């Protein structure tokens, strides 16, 4: 597979059809789903000078190689809802992202609370010094 083939496949992968789904119509309402699509790729080739292998007859052979790859990631972004001639954007809610954010917030608060408790017990003479002395 050469670099041009990779570029052609990338062009076919990232199209408006991947971003906007087929429109769904029911009871006078049209819904057009949308997604965030991100892609990337790369490729390369190279050659190496001929190397003579010890004890091998037939002379030296020149080395060469090519390679490449491409990836696409898509996630729901929301949908356009068309009702009575008016368009509204309804964002997709990622519950996992909300939960991760809440966990990060609570974890940070607990760490800061623990640090403040350690500092206050050291300064007031309470804690280990008082229990041991």
Protein backbone atom coordinates (compact mmCIF):
# COMPACT_ATOMS: atom_id res chain seq x y z
CA UNK A 1 0.00 0.00 0.00
CA UNK A 2 1.51 3.32 -1.00
CA UNK A 3 1.03 6.74 0.58
CA UNK A 4 -1.48 7.88 -2.07
CA UNK A 5 -3.67 4.86 -1.29
CA UNK A 6 -3.63 5.82 2.42
CA UNK A 7 -4.60 9.40 1.57
CA UNK A 8 -7.45 8.19 -0.64
CA UNK A 9 -8.77 5.95 2.13
CA UNK A 10 -8.51 8.81 4.62
CA UNK A 11 -10.48 11.08 2.32
CA UNK A 12 -13.19 8.42 2.00
CA UNK A 13 -13.31 7.92 5.79
CA UNK A 14 -13.73 11.56 6.79
CA UNK A 15 -16.79 12.70 4.90
CA UNK A 16 -19.89 14.66 5.83
CA UNK A 17 -21.79 11.35 5.99
CA UNK A 18 -19.64 10.35 8.97
CA UNK A 19 -20.40 13.64 10.73
CA UNK A 20 -24.13 13.88 9.98
CA UNK A 21 -26.27 10.74 10.01
CA UNK A 22 -29.30 10.05 7.88
CA UNK A 23 -32.25 12.30 8.71
CA UNK A 24 -35.06 10.59 10.63
CA UNK A 25 -38.61 11.87 10.07
CA UNK A 26 -41.65 11.03 12.15
CA UNK A 27 -44.84 12.91 13.07
CA UNK A 28 -43.66 16.14 11.41
CA UNK A 29 -40.35 16.17 13.30
CA UNK A 30 -36.99 15.70 11.59
CA UNK A 31 -33.92 14.63 13.57
CA UNK A 32 -30.42 14.85 12.06
CA UNK A 33 -27.81 13.17 14.28
CA UNK A 34 -24.30 14.67 14.33
CA UNK A 35 -20.95 13.33 15.51
CA UNK A 36 -17.46 14.62 16.18
CA UNK A 37 -15.11 12.80 13.81
CA UNK A 38 -11.33 13.00 14.19
CA UNK A 39 -8.78 11.22 12.03
CA UNK A 40 -5.08 11.03 11.57
CA UNK A 41 -2.54 9.05 9.69
CA UNK A 42 0.97 8.82 8.49
CA UNK A 43 3.29 6.94 6.26
CA UNK A 44 6.83 6.67 5.16
CA UNK A 45 9.43 4.78 3.24
CA UNK A 46 13.15 4.28 3.37
CA UNK A 47 16.12 2.56 1.83
CA UNK A 48 19.34 1.26 3.27
CA UNK A 49 22.67 0.74 1.57
CA UNK A 50 23.71 -2.75 0.59
CA UNK A 51 25.31 -4.82 3.34
CA UNK A 52 27.61 -7.75 2.77
CA UNK A 53 26.78 -10.65 5.09
CA UNK A 54 29.74 -12.67 6.26
CA UNK A 55 29.89 -16.11 4.69
CA UNK A 56 26.94 -15.58 2.33
CA UNK A 57 27.49 -15.87 -1.39
CA UNK A 58 25.54 -13.94 -3.99
CA UNK A 59 26.58 -10.45 -3.08
CA UNK A 60 24.99 -7.73 -1.09
CA UNK A 61 21.31 -6.79 -1.25
CA UNK A 62 19.87 -3.34 -0.87
CA UNK A 63 17.20 -2.94 1.85
CA UNK A 64 14.01 -0.92 1.56
CA UNK A 65 10.61 -0.67 3.20
CA UNK A 66 7.40 1.31 3.30
CA UNK A 67 4.59 1.58 5.82
CA UNK A 68 1.66 3.62 6.88
CA UNK A 69 -1.56 3.71 8.79
CA UNK A 70 -4.70 5.67 9.45
CA UNK A 71 -7.25 5.87 12.24
CA UNK A 72 -10.66 7.49 12.70
CA UNK A 73 -12.51 8.16 15.96
CA UNK A 74 -16.13 9.28 16.14
CA UNK A 75 -18.38 10.12 19.08
CA UNK A 76 -21.90 11.53 19.23
CA UNK A 77 -22.12 15.32 19.46
CA UNK A 78 -25.89 15.79 19.41
CA UNK A 79 -28.71 16.25 16.96
CA UNK A 80 -30.48 18.97 15.03
CA UNK A 81 -34.23 18.76 15.65
CA UNK A 82 -36.49 20.44 13.09
CA UNK A 83 -40.06 21.00 14.27
CA UNK A 84 -42.59 23.34 12.64
CA UNK A 85 -39.87 25.06 10.61
CA UNK A 86 -37.69 25.81 13.65
CA UNK A 87 -34.29 24.22 14.19
CA UNK A 88 -32.96 23.38 17.65
CA UNK A 89 -29.61 21.86 18.63
CA UNK A 90 -29.83 19.12 21.28
CA UNK A 91 -26.35 18.19 22.58
CA UNK A 92 -25.50 14.59 23.41
CA UNK A 93 -24.78 14.12 27.11
CA UNK A 94 -21.80 11.92 27.96
CA UNK A 95 -22.70 10.56 31.41
CA UNK A 96 -19.28 8.92 31.81
CA UNK A 97 -17.56 12.27 31.35
CA UNK A 98 -19.79 13.86 33.99
CA UNK A 99 -19.05 11.02 36.45
CA UNK A 100 -15.28 11.27 35.82
CA UNK A 101 -15.41 15.03 36.43
CA UNK A 102 -17.31 14.54 39.70
CA UNK A 103 -14.81 11.89 40.84
CA UNK A 104 -11.91 14.20 40.07
CA UNK A 105 -13.55 17.05 41.96
CA UNK A 106 -14.32 14.92 45.05
CA UNK A 107 -10.83 13.36 45.01
CA UNK A 108 -9.17 16.77 44.83
CA UNK A 109 -11.36 18.08 47.66
CA UNK A 110 -10.47 15.08 49.87
CA UNK A 111 -6.74 15.50 49.24
CA UNK A 112 -6.88 19.23 50.01
CA UNK A 113 -8.94 18.57 53.15
CA UNK A 114 -6.39 15.97 54.31
CA UNK A 115 -3.49 18.34 53.71
CA UNK A 116 -5.21 21.13 55.64
CA UNK A 117 -5.93 18.76 58.57
CA UNK A 118 -2.28 17.69 58.70
CA UNK A 119 -1.10 21.29 58.76
CA UNK A 120 -3.56 22.30 61.48
CA UNK A 121 -2.66 19.36 63.77
CA UNK A 122 1.07 20.05 63.45
CA UNK A 123 0.71 23.70 64.35
CA UNK A 124 -1.56 23.27 67.39
CA UNK A 125 0.42 20.63 69.25
CA UNK A 126 -2.21 17.96 68.69
CA UNK A 127 -1.66 14.77 66.82
CA UNK A 128 1.35 12.47 67.25
CA UNK A 129 3.43 14.79 69.44
CA UNK A 130 0.70 15.14 72.02
CA UNK A 131 -0.15 11.44 72.03
CA UNK A 132 3.50 10.41 72.47
CA UNK A 133 4.52 13.08 74.98
